[in-house]
C-alpha cells in the first residue's frame, strides 16, 4: 500500500495564509477568549499557533460550543450531514453574533 506524503498542513498555502493587516503579534485577548455552552462560533485558524488547531478541511465552518476540555473547547459542527465534535483552542475561534429580528 502506498504511503501518503506530507502532514496535516499539506496543500494549505492559501488557506492558512494571514491577510496583510492581521500579520504581526497575536493579541492576548484572542488567547483568553471565553465561551459558554451553546455559543455559536466560527472556525478560523490562526496559522502562527499550531496548538489546538483543527484539520484545515474545516476552516471557515461554524458550529456550537458543547463543552470544554482543558483550555480548549469542544465545538460541534455539521460535515456533510454528520455531526462532528472538534477540540479547538480558543485562538482559532471567532464568536458569531446572533441578530434578533
Protein backbone atom coordinates (compact mmCIF):
# COMPACT_ATOMS: atom_id res chain seq x y z
CA UNK A 1 0.00 0.00 0.00
CA UNK A 2 1.30 3.48 -0.90
CA UNK A 3 2.19 5.88 1.89
CA UNK A 4 0.73 9.37 1.86
CA UNK A 5 3.40 12.05 1.71
CA UNK A 6 3.00 15.13 3.89
CA UNK A 7 1.30 16.10 7.10
CA UNK A 8 -1.92 17.79 8.13
CA UNK A 9 -0.86 21.19 6.77
CA UNK A 10 -0.16 19.83 3.27
CA UNK A 11 -1.62 21.89 0.38
CA UNK A 12 -2.76 24.74 2.64
CA UNK A 13 -0.60 27.55 1.25
CA UNK A 14 -3.52 29.90 0.62
CA UNK A 15 -5.98 28.56 3.18
CA UNK A 16 -3.66 29.17 6.15
CA UNK A 17 -2.33 32.49 4.86
CA UNK A 18 -2.92 35.56 7.02
CA UNK A 19 -4.20 38.74 5.42
CA UNK A 20 -1.62 41.52 5.41
CA UNK A 21 -3.48 43.58 8.04
CA UNK A 22 -3.51 40.65 10.53
CA UNK A 23 0.23 39.95 10.42
CA UNK A 24 2.35 40.51 13.49
CA UNK A 25 1.94 39.65 17.14
CA UNK A 26 -1.23 37.85 18.18
CA UNK A 27 -3.49 39.69 20.60
CA UNK A 28 -3.56 38.23 24.12
CA UNK A 29 -7.34 38.67 24.16
CA UNK A 30 -7.60 36.05 21.40
CA UNK A 31 -5.90 33.54 23.72
CA UNK A 32 -8.07 34.43 26.70
CA UNK A 33 -11.47 34.37 24.95
CA UNK A 34 -14.26 32.79 26.99
CA UNK A 35 -17.17 30.89 25.52
CA UNK A 36 -20.07 29.18 27.22
CA UNK A 37 -22.08 26.17 26.11
CA UNK A 38 -24.47 26.99 23.31
CA UNK A 39 -22.40 29.87 21.89
CA UNK A 40 -22.12 29.94 18.10
CA UNK A 41 -18.55 30.18 16.85
CA UNK A 42 -16.70 30.11 13.56
CA UNK A 43 -13.53 28.10 12.99
CA UNK A 44 -10.85 30.49 11.74
CA UNK A 45 -7.34 29.08 12.06
CA UNK A 46 -4.53 31.22 13.43
CA UNK A 47 -1.58 29.88 11.40
CA UNK A 48 1.04 31.15 13.86
CA UNK A 49 -0.32 28.85 16.62
CA UNK A 50 -0.34 25.13 15.89
CA UNK A 51 -1.55 24.04 19.34
CA UNK A 52 -5.22 23.10 19.27
CA UNK A 53 -5.58 23.62 15.51
CA UNK A 54 -8.19 21.55 13.71
CA UNK A 55 -7.76 19.85 10.33
CA UNK A 56 -7.73 22.54 7.59
CA UNK A 57 -10.72 20.98 5.80
CA UNK A 58 -12.98 22.54 8.44
CA UNK A 59 -11.62 26.09 8.02
CA UNK A 60 -14.45 28.63 7.92
CA UNK A 61 -17.12 26.26 9.26
CA UNK A 62 -19.40 27.40 12.04
CA UNK A 63 -20.62 25.36 14.97
CA UNK A 64 -21.82 25.36 18.55
CA UNK A 65 -19.71 25.09 21.72
CA UNK A 66 -20.77 21.93 23.57
CA UNK A 67 -18.16 21.76 26.32
CA UNK A 68 -14.63 22.37 27.45
CA UNK A 69 -11.59 20.09 27.62
CA UNK A 70 -8.61 21.61 29.37
CA UNK A 71 -8.10 25.05 27.90
CA UNK A 72 -9.71 24.02 24.59
CA UNK A 73 -13.37 23.98 23.64
CA UNK A 74 -15.43 21.18 22.12
CA UNK A 75 -17.21 22.53 19.06
CA UNK A 76 -19.91 20.55 17.26
CA UNK A 77 -20.03 21.13 13.51
CA UNK A 78 -22.01 19.58 10.69
CA UNK A 79 -19.91 17.97 7.98
CA UNK A 80 -21.89 16.56 5.05
CA UNK A 81 -24.86 15.65 7.24
CA UNK A 82 -22.85 14.19 10.12
CA UNK A 83 -22.29 15.95 13.42
CA UNK A 84 -18.64 16.02 14.49
CA UNK A 85 -17.05 17.29 17.67
CA UNK A 86 -13.78 19.19 17.23
CA UNK A 87 -11.43 20.09 20.09
CA UNK A 88 -10.21 23.61 19.30
CA UNK A 89 -8.04 26.15 21.13
CA UNK A 90 -9.83 29.50 21.62
CA UNK A 91 -7.27 31.35 19.49
CA UNK A 92 -8.78 29.57 16.45
CA UNK A 93 -12.39 30.54 17.29
CA UNK A 94 -14.41 33.65 16.46
CA UNK A 95 -17.70 34.42 18.18
CA UNK A 96 -20.67 34.78 15.86
CA UNK A 97 -23.18 37.45 16.78
CA UNK A 98 -26.80 36.38 16.64
CA UNK A 99 -29.27 39.04 15.44
CA UNK A 100 -32.77 39.07 16.91
CA UNK A 101 -35.05 40.29 14.16
